[in-house]
């Protein structure tokens, strides 16, 4: 729109303020101001949803790493003969995920998303299990190397044994 008759602005302005489109615009402005103040705009809601998703995706690997740590600390097998959720003989790793899903809201939400096909990469298969084991073993090895490096004296014992497939399995022992 706009005004070209600046001399008669004092007469035009009251008419403009009483016009329906001005009243609607002012109402929308007040509503927007209130939403911005209360953080109920779509941007704020989307930001909260995004933050919630980020937290979910950060906590899931932490939980899975804790399961890997528990199973390896107790020298328990990870996989069973079945790799699917909620199937008998699906192994300790998937079984613990299911068990945690009963009590932990994070894992419950994770399992719900997987079973309802909201997500297809559920990170519960053997590949991710192996990757988590490798990540943790790298951290343990790095910690041992740093401890041995700091030690004044240390000894290394190396033993190799063929397994059933004639592959050589080696074990290293460091005393410090």
C-alpha atoms as a PDB file:
ATOM      1  CA  UNK A   1       0.000   0.000   0.000  1.00  0.00           C
ATOM      2  CA  UNK A   2       1.782   3.126   1.147  1.00  0.00           C
ATOM      3  CA  UNK A   3       0.846   6.777   1.481  1.00  0.00           C
ATOM      4  CA  UNK A   4       1.625   9.487  -1.065  1.00  0.00           C
ATOM      5  CA  UNK A   5      -0.494  12.245   0.455  1.00  0.00           C
ATOM      6  CA  UNK A   6       1.772  13.269   3.350  1.00  0.00           C
ATOM      7  CA  UNK A   7      -0.048  16.594   3.868  1.00  0.00           C
ATOM      8  CA  UNK A   8      -3.260  14.787   4.899  1.00  0.00           C
ATOM      9  CA  UNK A   9      -1.537  12.068   6.940  1.00  0.00           C
ATOM     10  CA  UNK A  10      -3.221  13.182  10.159  1.00  0.00           C
ATOM     11  CA  UNK A  11      -6.647  12.532   8.535  1.00  0.00           C
ATOM     12  CA  UNK A  12      -5.653   9.311   6.731  1.00  0.00           C
ATOM     13  CA  UNK A  13      -3.963   7.628   9.721  1.00  0.00           C
ATOM     14  CA  UNK A  14      -7.116   7.276  11.914  1.00  0.00           C
ATOM     15  CA  UNK A  15      -8.980   5.757   8.947  1.00  0.00           C
ATOM     16  CA  UNK A  16      -6.134   3.326   8.334  1.00  0.00           C
ATOM     17  CA  UNK A  17      -6.038   2.270  11.996  1.00  0.00           C
ATOM     18  CA  UNK A  18      -9.781   1.460  11.868  1.00  0.00           C
ATOM     19  CA  UNK A  19      -9.463  -0.615   8.686  1.00  0.00           C
ATOM     20  CA  UNK A  20     -10.027  -4.370   9.015  1.00  0.00           C
ATOM     21  CA  UNK A  21      -6.641  -5.362   7.522  1.00  0.00           C
ATOM     22  CA  UNK A  22      -4.812  -3.099  10.024  1.00  0.00           C
ATOM     23  CA  UNK A  23      -6.731  -4.582  12.970  1.00  0.00           C
ATOM     24  CA  UNK A  24      -5.939  -8.126  11.765  1.00  0.00           C
ATOM     25  CA  UNK A  25      -2.268  -7.245  11.278  1.00  0.00           C
ATOM     26  CA  UNK A  26      -2.025  -5.734  14.776  1.00  0.00           C
ATOM     27  CA  UNK A  27      -3.697  -8.817  16.244  1.00  0.00           C
ATOM     28  CA  UNK A  28      -1.176 -11.054  14.433  1.00  0.00           C
ATOM     29  CA  UNK A  29       1.697  -8.864  15.653  1.00  0.00           C
ATOM     30  CA  UNK A  30       0.512  -9.119  19.273  1.00  0.00           C
ATOM     31  CA  UNK A  31       0.097 -12.872  18.915  1.00  0.00           C
ATOM     32  CA  UNK A  32       3.597 -13.211  17.440  1.00  0.00           C
ATOM     33  CA  UNK A  33       5.079 -11.084  20.230  1.00  0.00           C
ATOM     34  CA  UNK A  34       3.409 -13.308  22.808  1.00  0.00           C
ATOM     35  CA  UNK A  35       4.596 -16.488  21.064  1.00  0.00           C
ATOM     36  CA  UNK A  36       8.148 -15.157  20.857  1.00  0.00           C
ATOM     37  CA  UNK A  37       8.064 -14.269  24.529  1.00  0.00           C
ATOM     38  CA  UNK A  38       6.716 -17.714  25.518  1.00  0.00           C
ATOM     39  CA  UNK A  39       8.910 -19.528  22.953  1.00  0.00           C
ATOM     40  CA  UNK A  40       5.927 -21.230  21.325  1.00  0.00           C
ATOM     41  CA  UNK A  41       6.707 -20.332  17.724  1.00  0.00           C
ATOM     42  CA  UNK A  42       7.197 -23.102  15.203  1.00  0.00           C
ATOM     43  CA  UNK A  43      10.928 -22.342  15.137  1.00  0.00           C
ATOM     44  CA  UNK A  44      11.180 -22.767  18.910  1.00  0.00           C
ATOM     45  CA  UNK A  45       9.168 -25.994  18.789  1.00  0.00           C
ATOM     46  CA  UNK A  46      11.306 -27.322  15.947  1.00  0.00           C
ATOM     47  CA  UNK A  47      14.452 -26.336  17.843  1.00  0.00           C
ATOM     48  CA  UNK A  48      13.256 -28.236  20.934  1.00  0.00           C
ATOM     49  CA  UNK A  49      12.422 -31.261  18.783  1.00  0.00           C
ATOM     50  CA  UNK A  50      15.838 -31.094  17.133  1.00  0.00           C
ATOM     51  CA  UNK A  51      17.562 -30.826  20.520  1.00  0.00           C
ATOM     52  CA  UNK A  52      15.564 -33.795  21.786  1.00  0.00           C
ATOM     53  CA  UNK A  53      16.634 -35.856  18.766  1.00  0.00           C
ATOM     54  CA  UNK A  54      20.274 -34.851  19.268  1.00  0.00           C
ATOM     55  CA  UNK A  55      20.123 -35.963  22.893  1.00  0.00           C
ATOM     56  CA  UNK A  56      18.493 -39.243  21.856  1.00  0.00           C
ATOM     57  CA  UNK A  57      21.195 -39.972  19.278  1.00  0.00           C
ATOM     58  CA  UNK A  58      23.952 -39.115  21.771  1.00  0.00           C
ATOM     59  CA  UNK A  59      22.577 -41.307  24.538  1.00  0.00           C
ATOM     60  CA  UNK A  60      21.872 -44.401  22.412  1.00  0.00           C
ATOM     61  CA  UNK A  61      25.564 -45.114  21.646  1.00  0.00           C
ATOM     62  CA  UNK A  62      26.429 -44.519  25.315  1.00  0.00           C
ATOM     63  CA  UNK A  63      23.888 -47.127  26.332  1.00  0.00           C
ATOM     64  CA  UNK A  64      25.094 -49.593  23.697  1.00  0.00           C
ATOM     65  CA  UNK A  65      28.708 -49.056  24.808  1.00  0.00           C
ATOM     66  CA  UNK A  66      27.676 -49.793  28.387  1.00  0.00           C
ATOM     67  CA  UNK A  67      26.132 -53.071  27.237  1.00  0.00           C
ATOM     68  CA  UNK A  68      29.348 -53.947  25.356  1.00  0.00           C
ATOM     69  CA  UNK A  69      31.393 -53.095  28.444  1.00  0.00           C
ATOM     70  CA  UNK A  70      29.185 -55.264  30.663  1.00  0.00           C
ATOM     71  CA  UNK A  71      29.285 -58.272  28.337  1.00  0.00           C
ATOM     72  CA  UNK A  72      33.035 -58.080  27.763  1.00  0.00           C
ATOM     73  CA  UNK A  73      33.832 -57.493  31.433  1.00  0.00           C
ATOM     74  CA  UNK A  74      31.862 -60.626  32.326  1.00  0.00           C
ATOM     75  CA  UNK A  75      33.283 -62.579  29.362  1.00  0.00           C
ATOM     76  CA  UNK A  76      29.812 -63.274  27.953  1.00  0.00           C
ATOM     77  CA  UNK A  77      28.987 -63.987  24.300  1.00  0.00           C
ATOM     78  CA  UNK A  78      27.321 -61.200  22.352  1.00  0.00           C
ATOM     79  CA  UNK A  79      25.386 -62.910  19.596  1.00  0.00           C
ATOM     80  CA  UNK A  80      22.896 -65.713  19.502  1.00  0.00           C
ATOM     81  CA  UNK A  81      21.676 -67.792  16.595  1.00  0.00           C
ATOM     82  CA  UNK A  82      19.028 -65.164  15.684  1.00  0.00           C
ATOM     83  CA  UNK A  83      19.734 -61.461  15.088  1.00  0.00           C
ATOM     84  CA  UNK A  84      16.165 -60.102  15.282  1.00  0.00           C
ATOM     85  CA  UNK A  85      14.519 -58.248  18.124  1.00  0.00           C
ATOM     86  CA  UNK A  86      11.995 -60.039  20.319  1.00  0.00           C
ATOM     87  CA  UNK A  87      12.984 -63.470  19.020  1.00  0.00           C
ATOM     88  CA  UNK A  88      14.196 -66.349  21.169  1.00  0.00           C
ATOM     89  CA  UNK A  89      17.953 -67.013  21.105  1.00  0.00           C
ATOM     90  CA  UNK A  90      18.825 -63.540  19.806  1.00  0.00           C
ATOM     91  CA  UNK A  91      21.850 -63.298  22.087  1.00  0.00           C
ATOM     92  CA  UNK A  92      22.966 -61.354  25.119  1.00  0.00           C
ATOM     93  CA  UNK A  93      23.529 -58.019  23.373  1.00  0.00           C
ATOM     94  CA  UNK A  94      20.078 -57.766  21.798  1.00  0.00           C
ATOM     95  CA  UNK A  95      18.557 -59.387  24.882  1.00  0.00           C
ATOM     96  CA  UNK A  96      20.028 -56.713  27.152  1.00  0.00           C
ATOM     97  CA  UNK A  97      18.774 -53.991  24.810  1.00  0.00           C
ATOM     98  CA  UNK A  98      15.293 -55.512  25.092  1.00  0.00           C
ATOM     99  CA  UNK A  99      15.609 -55.773  28.877  1.00  0.00           C
ATOM    100  CA  UNK A 100      16.688 -52.152  29.196  1.00  0.00           C
ATOM    101  CA  UNK A 101      13.768 -51.210  26.957  1.00  0.00           C
ATOM    102  CA  UNK A 102      11.397 -52.374  29.680  1.00  0.00           C
ATOM    103  CA  UNK A 103      12.835 -49.970  32.257  1.00  0.00           C
ATOM    104  CA  UNK A 104      14.675 -47.210  30.403  1.00  0.00           C
ATOM    105  CA  UNK A 105      12.663 -44.652  28.442  1.00  0.00           C
ATOM    106  CA  UNK A 106      15.515 -44.067  25.984  1.00  0.00           C
ATOM    107  CA  UNK A 107      15.816 -47.712  24.979  1.00  0.00           C
ATOM    108  CA  UNK A 108      12.043 -48.137  25.062  1.00  0.00           C
ATOM    109  CA  UNK A 109      11.704 -45.285  22.565  1.00  0.00           C
ATOM    110  CA  UNK A 110      14.496 -46.790  20.481  1.00  0.00           C
ATOM    111  CA  UNK A 111      12.816 -50.187  20.346  1.00  0.00           C
ATOM    112  CA  UNK A 112       9.459 -48.590  19.526  1.00  0.00           C
ATOM    113  CA  UNK A 113      10.996 -46.735  16.580  1.00  0.00           C
ATOM    114  CA  UNK A 114      12.638 -49.898  15.293  1.00  0.00           C
ATOM    115  CA  UNK A 115       9.546 -52.104  15.603  1.00  0.00           C
ATOM    116  CA  UNK A 116       7.296 -49.487  13.990  1.00  0.00           C
ATOM    117  CA  UNK A 117       9.796 -49.031  11.118  1.00  0.00           C
ATOM    118  CA  UNK A 118      10.333 -45.341  11.892  1.00  0.00           C
ATOM    119  CA  UNK A 119      14.065 -45.974  11.623  1.00  0.00           C
ATOM    120  CA  UNK A 120      15.835 -48.619   9.603  1.00  0.00           C
ATOM    121  CA  UNK A 121      19.362 -48.327  11.016  1.00  0.00           C
ATOM    122  CA  UNK A 122      18.858 -49.654  14.509  1.00  0.00           C
ATOM    123  CA  UNK A 123      22.544 -50.249  15.337  1.00  0.00           C
ATOM    124  CA  UNK A 124      21.894 -53.592  17.009  1.00  0.00           C
ATOM    125  CA  UNK A 125      23.380 -55.934  14.399  1.00  0.00           C
ATOM    126  CA  UNK A 126      26.677 -57.815  14.492  1.00  0.00           C
ATOM    127  CA  UNK A 127      28.533 -55.161  12.495  1.00  0.00           C
ATOM    128  CA  UNK A 128      27.901 -52.386  15.033  1.00  0.00           C
ATOM    129  CA  UNK A 129      28.658 -54.819  17.861  1.00  0.00           C
ATOM    130  CA  UNK A 130      32.063 -55.523  16.312  1.00  0.00           C
ATOM    131  CA  UNK A 131      32.687 -51.814  15.768  1.00  0.00           C
ATOM    132  CA  UNK A 132      31.841 -51.025  19.396  1.00  0.00           C
ATOM    133  CA  UNK A 133      34.104 -53.846  20.584  1.00  0.00           C
ATOM    134  CA  UNK A 134      36.938 -52.522  18.410  1.00  0.00           C
ATOM    135  CA  UNK A 135      36.447 -48.956  19.663  1.00  0.00           C
ATOM    136  CA  UNK A 136      36.570 -50.106  23.259  1.00  0.00           C
ATOM    137  CA  UNK A 137      39.549 -52.395  22.678  1.00  0.00           C
ATOM    138  CA  UNK A 138      41.437 -49.509  21.052  1.00  0.00           C
ATOM    139  CA  UNK A 139      40.787 -47.346  24.125  1.00  0.00           C
ATOM    140  CA  UNK A 140      41.899 -50.133  26.486  1.00  0.00           C
ATOM    141  CA  UNK A 141      45.048 -50.759  24.437  1.00  0.00           C
ATOM    142  CA  UNK A 142      45.870 -47.030  24.383  1.00  0.00           C
ATOM    143  CA  UNK A 143      45.427 -46.858  28.157  1.00  0.00           C
ATOM    144  CA  UNK A 144      47.688 -49.889  28.683  1.00  0.00           C
ATOM    145  CA  UNK A 145      50.341 -48.450  26.357  1.00  0.00           C
ATOM    146  CA  UNK A 146      50.292 -45.145  28.233  1.00  0.00           C
ATOM    147  CA  UNK A 147      50.656 -46.969  31.581  1.00  0.00           C
ATOM    148  CA  UNK A 148      53.529 -49.115  30.276  1.00  0.00           C
ATOM    149  CA  UNK A 149      55.216 -46.051  28.794  1.00  0.00           C
ATOM    150  CA  UNK A 150      55.123 -44.342  32.179  1.00  0.00           C
ATOM    151  CA  UNK A 151      56.433 -47.424  34.018  1.00  0.00           C
ATOM    152  CA  UNK A 152      60.104 -47.614  34.903  1.00  0.00           C
ATOM    153  CA  UNK A 153      60.265 -51.377  34.297  1.00  0.00           C
ATOM    154  CA  UNK A 154      57.991 -53.658  32.312  1.00  0.00           C
ATOM    155  CA  UNK A 155      57.927 -57.154  30.819  1.00  0.00           C
ATOM    156  CA  UNK A 156      56.135 -58.465  27.740  1.00  0.00           C
ATOM    157  CA  UNK A 157      55.022 -62.082  27.284  1.00  0.00           C
ATOM    158  CA  UNK A 158      53.690 -63.192  23.891  1.00  0.00           C
ATOM    159  CA  UNK A 159      51.923 -66.521  23.285  1.00  0.00           C
ATOM    160  CA  UNK A 160      50.533 -67.878  20.011  1.00  0.00           C
ATOM    161  CA  UNK A 161      48.133 -70.796  19.657  1.00  0.00           C
ATOM    162  CA  UNK A 162      46.406 -72.172  16.545  1.00  0.00           C
ATOM    163  CA  UNK A 163      42.644 -72.311  16.846  1.00  0.00           C
ATOM    164  CA  UNK A 164      40.198 -74.763  15.263  1.00  0.00           C
ATOM    165  CA  UNK A 165      40.434 -73.042  11.853  1.00  0.00           C
ATOM    166  CA  UNK A 166      44.265 -73.172  11.983  1.00  0.00           C
ATOM    167  CA  UNK A 167      44.391 -69.414  12.400  1.00  0.00           C
ATOM    168  CA  UNK A 168      46.952 -68.277  14.907  1.00  0.00           C
ATOM    169  CA  UNK A 169      45.514 -66.585  17.962  1.00  0.00           C
ATOM    170  CA  UNK A 170      48.022 -64.498  19.861  1.00  0.00           C
ATOM    171  CA  UNK A 171      47.862 -63.069  23.335  1.00  0.00           C
ATOM    172  CA  UNK A 172      50.080 -60.424  24.832  1.00  0.00           C
ATOM    173  CA  UNK A 173      50.719 -59.867  28.506  1.00  0.00           C
ATOM    174  CA  UNK A 174      52.356 -56.719  29.807  1.00  0.00           C
ATOM    175  CA  UNK A 175      53.560 -56.499  33.373  1.00  0.00           C
ATOM    176  CA  UNK A 176      54.519 -53.158  34.772  1.00  0.00           C
END
